[in-house]
Amino acid sequence: MLQVQNEVRRQIARYHMIRRGDRVIIGVSGGADSTALLHVLAHLEGILKAQFRVVHVHHGLRGEEADRDAKFVENLCRSYKIPFRMVEVQADQFAKKHHVSLEEAGRWLRYAAFEEEAAAWEKEADTHKAVRVAVAHNKEDNAETILMQLTRGSGLKGVAGMKPVRGRVIRPLLTVSREDIEAYLKKEELEWCTDSTNLHDDYTRNRIRHDILPRLISDVNKGAVDNITRAGRLIGEADVYLAKQAEQILKDTLVRDEESAGIAQSDLDKQEPIIRTYMLRLMIGIVNRTMKNITAKHIEDLDRLADSETGKRIDLPYNLEAVKTYDMLWIGKKGFVAENSVNGIPESRTTAEMNEFYRKNFTFDVFDYDPDAEIPDKENVRWFDYDKIENVVELRPRRTGDYIMLKDGGRKTVKSLMIDEKIPAAVRDRVPLLAMGSHVLWVVGYRASCSCGIDSTTRKVFEVRYRGEET
């Protein structure tokens, strides 16, 4: 059964999983897949010129059966002369504490143990090369994952299935079937352990493994596993491309604050629906750093919120919320938008009083631009390129979501600008703003946006003068 070894070698070479001199931790449970992985890598050690260590995670479950598995792996490592380490965890306690299933608790604790051992090994060596972690997922595991993610309503990233390489984790058996793995073990006269929990249908994955996937193979298409994993690979490639496109658009349109991220509805409306959903997903990731529990339903809710009226909001996982403010959609930690700030009117003055203040203290003019004229450099006068002003401008106090454009094309919230300018918090709501929706052209008396500045293409000037009376 050299085909299994050859396929593993191809996978390693194709994705540069293990390079000459690399150090690799192999996660071995004692089951068929991990036993085969250990055997294959041990026999490729001379070719790969790599160093291996085995980590076995004892989950504190199954009593004597789990002890048997640990002893089996230890003896196996001794025969291969590969260092062995057992890490004991308490999966049931972790599951109760974090309100997750035993299946999820075990997975989280396994990877945490692998990461800890890899980091410790890195510190031992006089090199900065990362330690790899080899796990034994096979082709059916990948198909099961894709089916699970489909039923959970995941986006393309989830439905793409497992990656051959994810960070330090590598999966050399990902293109090998379970049938070929067991045939390989029998041919090599190797024993393996059977985890009794894998025989029960208590876990979602086991129900897919024992019932749903076999029925797809027998009743629908014998090539179901290959077709599902092939579709996952193509979906993964599309996911990477679309994410890059959305990320590039967000570089020019995203507005960041200390604990939130926002985007203009007009910038969302310009995009194709699929790119728009990717932009929304990335915004969650920017605020929260993970999108693990974010489903397609959450993105659909966000998409609808972007088209809703001012002040609407929805809750999201990870203690996040999304809020629609005028022409902006914002995502941040709960409470990042104060209840009374959505309307944007300071309590110290009525709307009528503020409008009267603006009428008395501001004058406007439009005239032809003379290239020889000196552009005023005063705190109370600003010139703008009239033809670059796309929407109606207004004078008003600040609102949540206001931003200005920077020279590099980026965006900065007015809130951050006022902090940087050391404007006292007590008077920030009284500083007049010249704005087009949430895009602020001028924080009066301080800074102007770089989006409508005078340049060689300017034909007409829009001049705004402020009398400078006390606000």
Protein backbone atom coordinates (compact mmCIF):
# COMPACT_ATOMS: atom_id res chain seq x y z
CA MET A 1 0.00 0.00 0.00
CA LEU A 2 2.65 2.48 -1.06
CA GLN A 3 -0.10 4.68 -2.55
CA VAL A 4 -0.92 6.09 0.91
CA GLN A 5 2.72 6.96 1.55
CA ASN A 6 3.06 8.43 -1.94
CA GLU A 7 -0.10 10.53 -1.52
CA VAL A 8 1.16 11.87 1.81
CA ARG A 9 4.49 12.76 0.20
CA ARG A 10 2.64 14.58 -2.61
CA GLN A 11 0.54 16.53 -0.14
CA ILE A 12 3.60 17.50 1.89
CA ALA A 13 5.44 18.66 -1.23
CA ARG A 14 2.40 20.39 -2.79
CA TYR A 15 1.70 22.56 0.24
CA HIS A 16 5.26 22.76 1.63
CA MET A 17 4.01 21.20 4.85
CA ILE A 18 7.36 19.95 6.07
CA ARG A 19 10.71 21.32 4.93
CA ARG A 20 14.13 19.89 5.51
CA GLY A 21 15.08 20.19 9.18
CA ASP A 22 11.57 21.10 10.36
CA ARG A 23 10.28 20.05 13.77
CA VAL A 24 6.83 18.49 13.80
CA ILE A 25 4.48 17.52 16.61
CA ILE A 26 2.21 14.64 15.59
CA GLY A 27 -1.15 14.47 17.32
CA VAL A 28 -1.82 10.77 17.90
CA SER A 29 -4.99 9.47 19.57
CA GLY A 30 -4.33 5.82 18.78
CA GLY A 31 -7.18 5.60 16.26
CA ALA A 32 -6.72 4.32 12.74
CA ASP A 33 -6.04 7.69 11.12
CA SER A 34 -3.44 8.98 13.58
CA THR A 35 -1.76 5.55 13.81
CA ALA A 36 -1.38 5.54 10.03
CA LEU A 37 -0.09 9.11 10.03
CA LEU A 38 2.54 8.27 12.65
CA HIS A 39 3.63 5.17 10.71
CA VAL A 40 3.91 7.05 7.41
CA LEU A 41 5.83 10.00 8.86
CA ALA A 42 8.15 7.71 10.82
CA HIS A 43 9.06 5.92 7.58
CA LEU A 44 9.55 9.24 5.76
CA GLU A 45 11.73 10.68 8.52
CA GLY A 46 14.96 9.92 6.67
CA ILE A 47 13.65 11.45 3.45
CA LEU A 48 12.15 14.53 5.08
CA LYS A 49 15.13 15.06 7.42
CA ALA A 50 12.62 16.26 10.03
CA GLN A 51 12.37 15.83 13.79
CA PHE A 52 9.18 14.40 15.25
CA ARG A 53 7.52 14.34 18.65
CA VAL A 54 4.17 12.80 19.53
CA VAL A 55 1.56 14.41 21.77
CA HIS A 56 -1.37 12.32 23.02
CA VAL A 57 -4.24 14.16 24.71
CA HIS A 58 -6.06 12.25 27.47
CA HIS A 59 -9.48 13.91 27.79
CA GLY A 60 -10.29 12.57 31.25
CA LEU A 61 -13.16 10.52 29.76
CA ARG A 62 -13.81 6.82 29.03
CA GLY A 63 -11.85 5.57 32.08
CA GLU A 64 -9.76 2.44 31.43
CA GLU A 65 -10.37 2.63 27.69
CA ALA A 66 -8.66 6.05 27.53
CA ASP A 67 -5.77 4.75 29.67
CA ARG A 68 -5.42 1.85 27.24
CA ASP A 69 -5.21 4.26 24.27
CA ALA A 70 -2.51 6.33 25.97
CA LYS A 71 -0.42 3.22 26.73
CA PHE A 72 -0.85 1.98 23.17
CA VAL A 73 0.45 5.27 21.71
CA GLU A 74 3.35 5.34 24.16
CA ASN A 75 4.43 1.83 23.14
CA LEU A 76 4.04 2.72 19.47
CA CYS A 77 6.31 5.74 19.88
CA ARG A 78 8.86 3.63 21.73
CA SER A 79 9.01 1.23 18.77
CA TYR A 80 9.63 4.16 16.40
CA LYS A 81 12.05 5.83 18.82
CA ILE A 82 9.99 9.03 18.70
CA PRO A 83 9.58 11.11 21.89
CA PHE A 84 6.13 10.74 23.48
CA ARG A 85 4.21 13.11 25.76
CA MET A 86 0.74 12.69 27.24
CA VAL A 87 -1.26 15.77 28.16
CA GLU A 88 -4.18 15.26 30.55
CA VAL A 89 -7.21 17.55 30.38
CA GLN A 90 -10.74 17.50 31.80
CA ALA A 91 -13.05 17.91 28.82
CA ASP A 92 -16.27 17.51 30.82
CA GLN A 93 -15.36 20.31 33.23
CA PHE A 94 -14.34 22.58 30.35
CA ALA A 95 -17.61 21.86 28.53
CA LYS A 96 -19.70 22.75 31.58
CA LYS A 97 -17.72 25.89 32.36
CA HIS A 98 -17.84 27.26 28.82
CA HIS A 99 -21.31 25.92 27.91
CA VAL A 100 -20.11 23.96 24.89
CA SER A 101 -20.53 20.34 23.81
CA LEU A 102 -18.05 17.65 24.86
CA GLU A 103 -17.08 17.35 21.20
CA GLU A 104 -16.22 21.06 20.95
CA ALA A 105 -14.49 21.05 24.35
CA GLY A 106 -12.28 18.13 23.31
CA ARG A 107 -11.35 19.78 20.04
CA TRP A 108 -10.48 23.08 21.72
CA LEU A 109 -8.38 21.39 24.43
CA ARG A 110 -6.51 19.23 21.92
CA TYR A 111 -5.42 22.19 19.83
CA ALA A 112 -4.55 24.19 22.95
CA ALA A 113 -2.30 21.30 24.06
CA PHE A 114 -0.66 21.06 20.65
CA GLU A 115 -0.04 24.81 20.61
CA GLU A 116 1.47 24.79 24.09
CA GLU A 117 3.82 21.91 23.23
CA ALA A 118 4.82 23.53 19.95
CA ALA A 119 5.59 26.85 21.65
CA ALA A 120 7.66 25.07 24.31
CA TRP A 121 9.67 23.22 21.64
CA GLU A 122 10.33 26.49 19.81
CA LYS A 123 11.88 27.93 22.96
CA GLU A 124 14.23 24.95 23.28
CA ALA A 125 15.95 25.49 19.93
CA ASP A 126 18.33 28.23 18.81
CA THR A 127 16.19 28.99 15.78
CA HIS A 128 13.13 31.07 15.04
CA LYS A 129 11.60 28.41 12.75
CA ALA A 130 8.05 27.52 13.75
CA VAL A 131 7.14 24.06 14.95
CA ARG A 132 4.48 22.33 12.84
CA VAL A 133 1.56 20.30 14.19
CA ALA A 134 0.44 17.32 12.08
CA VAL A 135 -3.12 16.07 12.61
CA ALA A 136 -4.76 13.05 10.96
CA HIS A 137 -7.95 14.33 9.31
CA ASN A 138 -8.83 12.33 6.21
CA LYS A 139 -11.01 12.83 3.13
CA GLU A 140 -14.25 11.72 4.82
CA ASP A 141 -13.54 13.98 7.80
CA ASN A 142 -13.39 16.86 5.36
CA ALA A 143 -16.65 15.88 3.65
CA GLU A 144 -18.34 15.59 7.04
CA THR A 145 -17.12 19.05 8.01
CA ILE A 146 -18.48 20.55 4.78
CA LEU A 147 -21.88 18.95 5.36
CA MET A 148 -21.93 20.16 8.98
CA GLN A 149 -21.11 23.72 7.94
CA LEU A 150 -23.80 23.66 5.25
CA THR A 151 -26.45 22.70 7.79
CA ARG A 152 -25.24 25.40 10.20
CA GLY A 153 -25.68 28.13 7.61
CA SER A 154 -21.99 28.98 7.34
CA GLY A 155 -20.58 31.25 4.66
CA LEU A 156 -18.20 30.13 1.93
CA LYS A 157 -15.25 30.00 4.33
CA GLY A 158 -16.95 27.37 6.49
CA VAL A 159 -18.34 25.41 3.57
CA ALA A 160 -14.84 25.27 2.04
CA GLY A 161 -13.99 22.63 4.65
CA MET A 162 -10.59 21.94 6.15
CA LYS A 163 -7.42 23.49 4.77
CA PRO A 164 -4.34 21.35 4.15
CA VAL A 165 -2.34 24.02 6.01
CA ARG A 166 -3.78 26.41 8.60
CA GLY A 167 -1.19 28.34 10.54
CA ARG A 168 1.15 25.77 12.07
CA VAL A 169 -1.38 22.93 11.61
CA ILE A 170 -0.83 20.55 8.68
CA ARG A 171 -3.08 17.72 7.42
CA PRO A 172 -1.04 15.25 5.33
CA LEU A 173 -3.88 12.67 5.12
CA LEU A 174 -6.58 15.08 3.95
CA THR A 175 -6.81 13.56 0.45
CA VAL A 176 -6.67 9.92 1.65
CA SER A 177 -9.90 7.97 2.22
CA ARG A 178 -10.73 6.16 5.43
CA GLU A 179 -10.99 2.92 3.47
CA ASP A 180 -7.44 3.30 2.10
CA ILE A 181 -6.11 4.15 5.56
CA GLU A 182 -7.55 1.00 7.12
CA ALA A 183 -6.37 -1.11 4.19
CA TYR A 184 -2.89 0.37 4.64
CA LEU A 185 -2.85 -0.51 8.34
CA LYS A 186 -3.95 -4.09 7.65
CA LYS A 187 -1.34 -4.46 4.92
CA GLU A 188 1.36 -3.24 7.32
CA GLU A 189 -0.09 -5.51 10.05
CA LEU A 190 -0.63 -2.57 12.38
CA GLU A 191 -3.21 -2.50 15.15
CA TRP A 192 -5.13 0.56 16.26
CA CYS A 193 -7.55 1.60 19.00
CA THR A 194 -11.26 2.26 18.60
CA ASP A 195 -12.76 5.11 20.58
CA SER A 196 -16.15 3.84 21.72
CA THR A 197 -17.64 7.35 21.60
CA ASN A 198 -17.10 7.34 17.83
CA LEU A 199 -19.54 4.42 17.58
CA HIS A 200 -22.40 6.36 19.15
CA ASP A 201 -24.66 8.88 17.43
CA ASP A 202 -24.57 11.30 20.35
CA TYR A 203 -22.45 13.80 18.44
CA THR A 204 -23.48 15.65 15.28
CA ARG A 205 -20.39 14.50 13.38
CA ASN A 206 -21.05 10.85 14.26
CA ARG A 207 -24.62 11.06 12.91
CA ILE A 208 -23.28 12.46 9.64
CA ARG A 209 -20.52 9.82 9.59
CA HIS A 210 -22.68 6.79 10.35
CA ASP A 211 -25.95 7.70 8.63
CA ILE A 212 -26.05 10.71 6.32
CA LEU A 213 -22.79 10.33 4.38
CA PRO A 214 -23.17 6.54 3.84
CA ARG A 215 -26.67 7.15 2.46
CA LEU A 216 -25.38 9.79 0.07
CA ILE A 217 -22.78 7.30 -1.16
CA SER A 218 -25.14 4.32 -1.46
CA ASP A 219 -28.36 6.04 -2.58
CA VAL A 220 -27.21 9.14 -4.46
CA ASN A 221 -23.67 8.91 -5.83
CA LYS A 222 -20.78 6.55 -5.08
CA GLY A 223 -18.42 9.45 -5.68
CA ALA A 224 -20.17 11.69 -3.17
CA VAL A 225 -17.12 12.13 -0.91
CA ASP A 226 -14.85 13.11 -3.80
CA ASN A 227 -17.47 15.47 -5.21
CA ILE A 228 -18.15 17.11 -1.85
CA THR A 229 -14.46 17.68 -1.08
CA ARG A 230 -13.80 18.90 -4.64
CA ALA A 231 -16.62 21.41 -4.29
CA GLY A 232 -15.16 22.46 -0.93
CA ARG A 233 -11.78 23.12 -2.55
CA LEU A 234 -13.33 25.24 -5.33
CA ILE A 235 -15.45 27.11 -2.80
CA GLY A 236 -12.32 27.74 -0.74
CA GLU A 237 -10.54 29.22 -3.75
CA ALA A 238 -13.52 31.47 -4.49
CA ASP A 239 -13.67 32.48 -0.82
CA VAL A 240 -10.03 33.60 -0.81
CA TYR A 241 -10.52 35.65 -3.99
CA LEU A 242 -13.72 37.34 -2.81
CA ALA A 243 -12.22 38.11 0.60
CA LYS A 244 -9.25 39.82 -1.07
CA GLN A 245 -11.58 41.93 -3.21
CA ALA A 246 -13.66 42.96 -0.19
CA GLU A 247 -10.56 43.70 1.87
CA GLN A 248 -9.22 45.99 -0.85
CA ILE A 249 -12.50 47.94 -0.96
CA LEU A 250 -12.57 48.29 2.83
CA LYS A 251 -9.09 49.84 2.78
CA ASP A 252 -10.63 52.85 1.03
CA THR A 253 -14.04 52.94 2.70
CA LEU A 254 -13.84 51.63 6.29
CA VAL A 255 -14.04 54.06 9.19
CA ARG A 256 -12.36 52.85 12.39
CA ASP A 257 -12.81 53.92 15.96
CA GLU A 258 -11.40 52.58 19.23
CA GLU A 259 -13.99 49.82 19.57
CA SER A 260 -16.03 49.91 16.38
CA ALA A 261 -15.94 49.94 12.59
CA GLY A 262 -18.31 51.70 10.23
CA ILE A 263 -19.05 52.06 6.55
CA ALA A 264 -21.26 54.37 4.51
CA GLN A 265 -24.40 52.82 3.11
CA SER A 266 -23.54 54.36 -0.26
CA ASP A 267 -20.23 52.45 -0.30
CA LEU A 268 -22.07 49.20 0.39
CA ASP A 269 -24.68 49.93 -2.26
CA LYS A 270 -22.01 50.25 -4.97
CA GLN A 271 -20.95 46.61 -4.54
CA GLU A 272 -22.27 43.34 -5.90
CA PRO A 273 -24.28 41.48 -3.23
CA ILE A 274 -21.60 38.80 -2.68
CA ILE A 275 -18.85 41.41 -2.17
CA ARG A 276 -21.13 43.36 0.14
CA THR A 277 -21.62 40.31 2.38
CA TYR A 278 -17.86 39.74 2.48
CA MET A 279 -17.30 43.33 3.52
CA LEU A 280 -19.77 42.89 6.38
CA ARG A 281 -18.11 39.65 7.52
CA LEU A 282 -14.68 41.28 7.45
CA MET A 283 -15.96 44.21 9.49
CA ILE A 284 -17.03 41.81 12.25
CA GLY A 285 -13.60 40.19 12.14
CA ILE A 286 -11.89 43.58 12.36
CA VAL A 287 -13.82 44.48 15.50
CA ASN A 288 -13.75 41.04 17.12
CA ARG A 289 -10.76 39.18 15.53
CA THR A 290 -12.80 36.02 15.04
CA MET A 291 -15.88 35.09 13.02
CA LYS A 292 -16.19 31.49 14.21
CA ASN A 293 -19.84 31.73 15.35
CA ILE A 294 -20.93 34.20 12.69
CA THR A 295 -23.45 32.53 10.36
CA ALA A 296 -24.97 33.52 7.03
CA LYS A 297 -28.11 34.52 8.98
CA HIS A 298 -26.12 37.13 10.93
CA ILE A 299 -24.77 38.60 7.68
CA GLU A 300 -28.27 38.68 6.16
CA ASP A 301 -29.52 40.56 9.22
CA LEU A 302 -26.65 43.05 8.89
CA ASP A 303 -27.39 43.51 5.20
CA ARG A 304 -31.02 44.36 5.96
CA LEU A 305 -29.97 46.69 8.77
CA ALA A 306 -27.82 48.70 6.35
CA ASP A 307 -30.99 49.55 4.39
CA SER A 308 -33.13 50.31 7.45
CA GLU A 309 -33.94 53.62 9.10
CA THR A 310 -31.72 55.54 11.49
CA GLY A 311 -31.45 54.21 15.03
CA LYS A 312 -32.20 50.55 14.24
CA ARG A 313 -29.83 48.01 15.79
CA ILE A 314 -29.32 44.26 16.12
CA ASP A 315 -27.39 42.03 18.49
CA LEU A 316 -24.53 39.84 17.26
CA PRO A 317 -22.45 37.08 18.90
CA TYR A 318 -19.44 37.98 21.08
CA ASN A 319 -21.34 40.78 22.82
CA LEU A 320 -21.40 42.84 19.63
CA GLU A 321 -24.12 45.02 18.21
CA ALA A 322 -24.69 46.72 14.89
CA VAL A 323 -26.32 50.16 14.60
CA LYS A 324 -27.63 52.14 11.64
CA THR A 325 -26.83 55.84 12.03
CA TYR A 326 -28.03 58.11 9.23
CA ASP A 327 -26.05 56.96 6.17
CA MET A 328 -23.63 54.70 8.07
CA LEU A 329 -23.64 51.13 9.39
CA TRP A 330 -21.57 50.55 12.54
CA ILE A 331 -20.45 47.36 14.30
CA GLY A 332 -18.92 47.42 17.78
CA LYS A 333 -19.05 46.16 21.33
CA LYS A 334 -22.43 46.61 22.99
CA GLY A 335 -22.89 50.13 24.26
CA PHE A 336 -20.41 51.73 21.87
CA VAL A 337 -23.22 54.01 20.71
CA ALA A 338 -24.88 55.91 23.56
CA GLU A 339 -28.66 55.78 23.51
CA ASN A 340 -29.01 59.55 23.11
CA SER A 341 -26.24 59.97 20.54
CA VAL A 342 -28.05 58.43 17.58
CA ASN A 343 -30.11 61.57 17.11
CA GLY A 344 -26.99 63.71 17.31
CA ILE A 345 -28.59 66.77 18.90
CA PRO A 346 -26.85 68.07 22.05
CA GLU A 347 -29.11 68.50 25.01
CA SER A 348 -27.72 71.99 25.68
CA ARG A 349 -29.48 73.50 22.65
CA THR A 350 -32.67 72.91 20.72
CA THR A 351 -32.58 72.39 16.98
CA ALA A 352 -34.10 75.81 16.41
CA GLU A 353 -31.47 77.49 18.61
CA MET A 354 -28.65 75.78 16.76
CA ASN A 355 -30.04 76.68 13.35
CA GLU A 356 -30.23 80.32 14.46
CA PHE A 357 -26.63 80.14 15.65
CA TYR A 358 -25.48 78.77 12.28
CA ARG A 359 -27.45 81.44 10.36
CA LYS A 360 -25.80 84.26 12.30
CA ASN A 361 -22.25 82.95 12.28
CA PHE A 362 -21.67 81.38 8.85
CA THR A 363 -21.60 82.82 5.32
CA PHE A 364 -21.24 80.94 2.03
CA ASP A 365 -20.10 81.92 -1.44
CA VAL A 366 -19.41 80.24 -4.80
CA PHE A 367 -17.06 81.85 -7.35
CA ASP A 368 -14.70 81.00 -10.21
CA TYR A 369 -11.30 79.76 -9.13
CA ASP A 370 -8.26 81.89 -9.96
CA PRO A 371 -5.13 79.66 -9.96
CA ASP A 372 -3.06 82.69 -8.94
CA ALA A 373 -5.21 83.39 -5.89
CA GLU A 374 -3.82 82.55 -2.48
CA ILE A 375 -5.83 79.88 -0.73
CA PRO A 376 -6.72 81.21 2.74
CA ASP A 377 -4.97 79.52 5.63
CA LYS A 378 -7.23 80.59 8.45
CA GLU A 379 -9.15 78.68 11.11
CA ASN A 380 -12.37 80.49 10.23
CA VAL A 381 -12.27 80.25 6.41
CA ARG A 382 -12.20 77.16 4.19
CA TRP A 383 -12.22 76.74 0.43
CA PHE A 384 -13.61 73.60 -1.18
CA ASP A 385 -13.78 72.41 -4.78
CA TYR A 386 -17.43 73.03 -5.59
CA ASP A 387 -17.66 70.28 -8.25
CA LYS A 388 -16.36 67.64 -5.82
CA ILE A 389 -19.26 68.20 -3.44
CA GLU A 390 -21.64 65.45 -4.52
CA ASN A 391 -24.45 65.90 -1.99
CA VAL A 392 -26.25 68.62 -0.05
CA VAL A 393 -24.07 70.04 2.73
CA GLU A 394 -25.37 71.04 6.13
CA LEU A 395 -24.14 72.64 9.33
CA ARG A 396 -24.83 70.57 12.42
CA PRO A 397 -23.29 69.13 15.60
CA ARG A 398 -21.47 65.79 15.50
CA ARG A 399 -23.25 62.47 15.14
CA THR A 400 -22.15 58.93 15.76
CA GLY A 401 -20.43 57.69 12.62
CA ASP A 402 -19.08 61.04 11.41
CA TYR A 403 -15.72 60.85 9.67
CA ILE A 404 -13.27 62.91 7.61
CA MET A 405 -11.10 61.83 4.68
CA LEU A 406 -7.31 61.77 5.11
CA LYS A 407 -4.59 62.53 2.56
CA ASP A 408 -3.77 58.83 2.08
CA GLY A 409 -7.40 58.06 1.20
CA GLY A 410 -8.16 56.60 4.61
CA ARG A 411 -10.91 57.72 6.94
CA LYS A 412 -10.88 58.92 10.53
CA THR A 413 -13.80 59.34 12.87
CA VAL A 414 -14.59 62.80 14.13
CA LYS A 415 -14.59 61.32 17.62
CA SER A 416 -10.93 60.26 17.21
CA LEU A 417 -10.04 63.59 15.62
CA MET A 418 -11.52 65.53 18.55
CA ILE A 419 -9.56 63.38 20.99
CA ASP A 420 -6.34 63.96 19.02
CA GLU A 421 -7.03 67.71 18.87
CA LYS A 422 -7.59 67.68 22.67
CA ILE A 423 -11.02 69.26 22.34
CA PRO A 424 -12.62 69.13 25.81
CA ALA A 425 -15.31 66.46 26.04
CA ALA A 426 -17.77 68.99 27.44
CA VAL A 427 -17.75 71.10 24.27
CA ARG A 428 -17.38 68.46 21.53
CA ASP A 429 -21.12 68.38 20.85
CA ARG A 430 -21.07 72.16 20.38
CA VAL A 431 -18.36 72.28 17.70
CA PRO A 432 -20.03 73.05 14.33
CA LEU A 433 -19.49 70.57 11.51
CA LEU A 434 -19.92 71.13 7.77
CA ALA A 435 -21.06 67.75 6.49
CA MET A 436 -22.43 65.72 3.58
CA GLY A 437 -24.26 62.99 5.45
CA SER A 438 -21.68 61.34 7.71
CA HIS A 439 -18.78 62.66 5.64
CA VAL A 440 -17.59 65.80 7.44
CA LEU A 441 -15.95 68.37 5.20
CA TRP A 442 -14.85 70.63 8.04
CA VAL A 443 -14.62 70.37 11.80
CA VAL A 444 -14.99 74.11 12.12
CA GLY A 445 -12.01 75.79 13.71
CA TYR A 446 -9.90 72.64 13.48
CA ARG A 447 -9.49 70.40 10.45
CA ALA A 448 -10.95 69.93 6.99
CA SER A 449 -11.45 66.75 4.99
CA CYS A 450 -8.98 66.10 2.16
CA SER A 451 -11.68 64.88 -0.23
CA CYS A 452 -12.84 68.22 -1.66
CA GLY A 453 -9.65 70.25 -1.61
CA ILE A 454 -8.53 72.76 -4.21
CA ASP A 455 -6.22 71.36 -6.92
CA SER A 456 -5.27 71.87 -10.58
CA THR A 457 -8.68 70.60 -11.77
CA THR A 458 -10.69 73.08 -9.69
CA ARG A 459 -13.02 75.40 -11.63
CA LYS A 460 -15.30 76.77 -8.92
CA VAL A 461 -14.70 77.46 -5.23
CA PHE A 462 -17.18 76.90 -2.45
CA GLU A 463 -16.15 79.24 0.37
CA VAL A 464 -17.34 78.89 3.96
CA ARG A 465 -16.65 81.64 6.51
CA TYR A 466 -17.19 81.35 10.24
CA ARG A 467 -17.44 84.48 12.39
CA GLY A 468 -15.70 82.72 15.26
CA GLU A 469 -18.17 83.61 17.98
CA GLU A 470 -18.24 81.52 21.12
CA THR A 471 -20.19 78.29 20.62
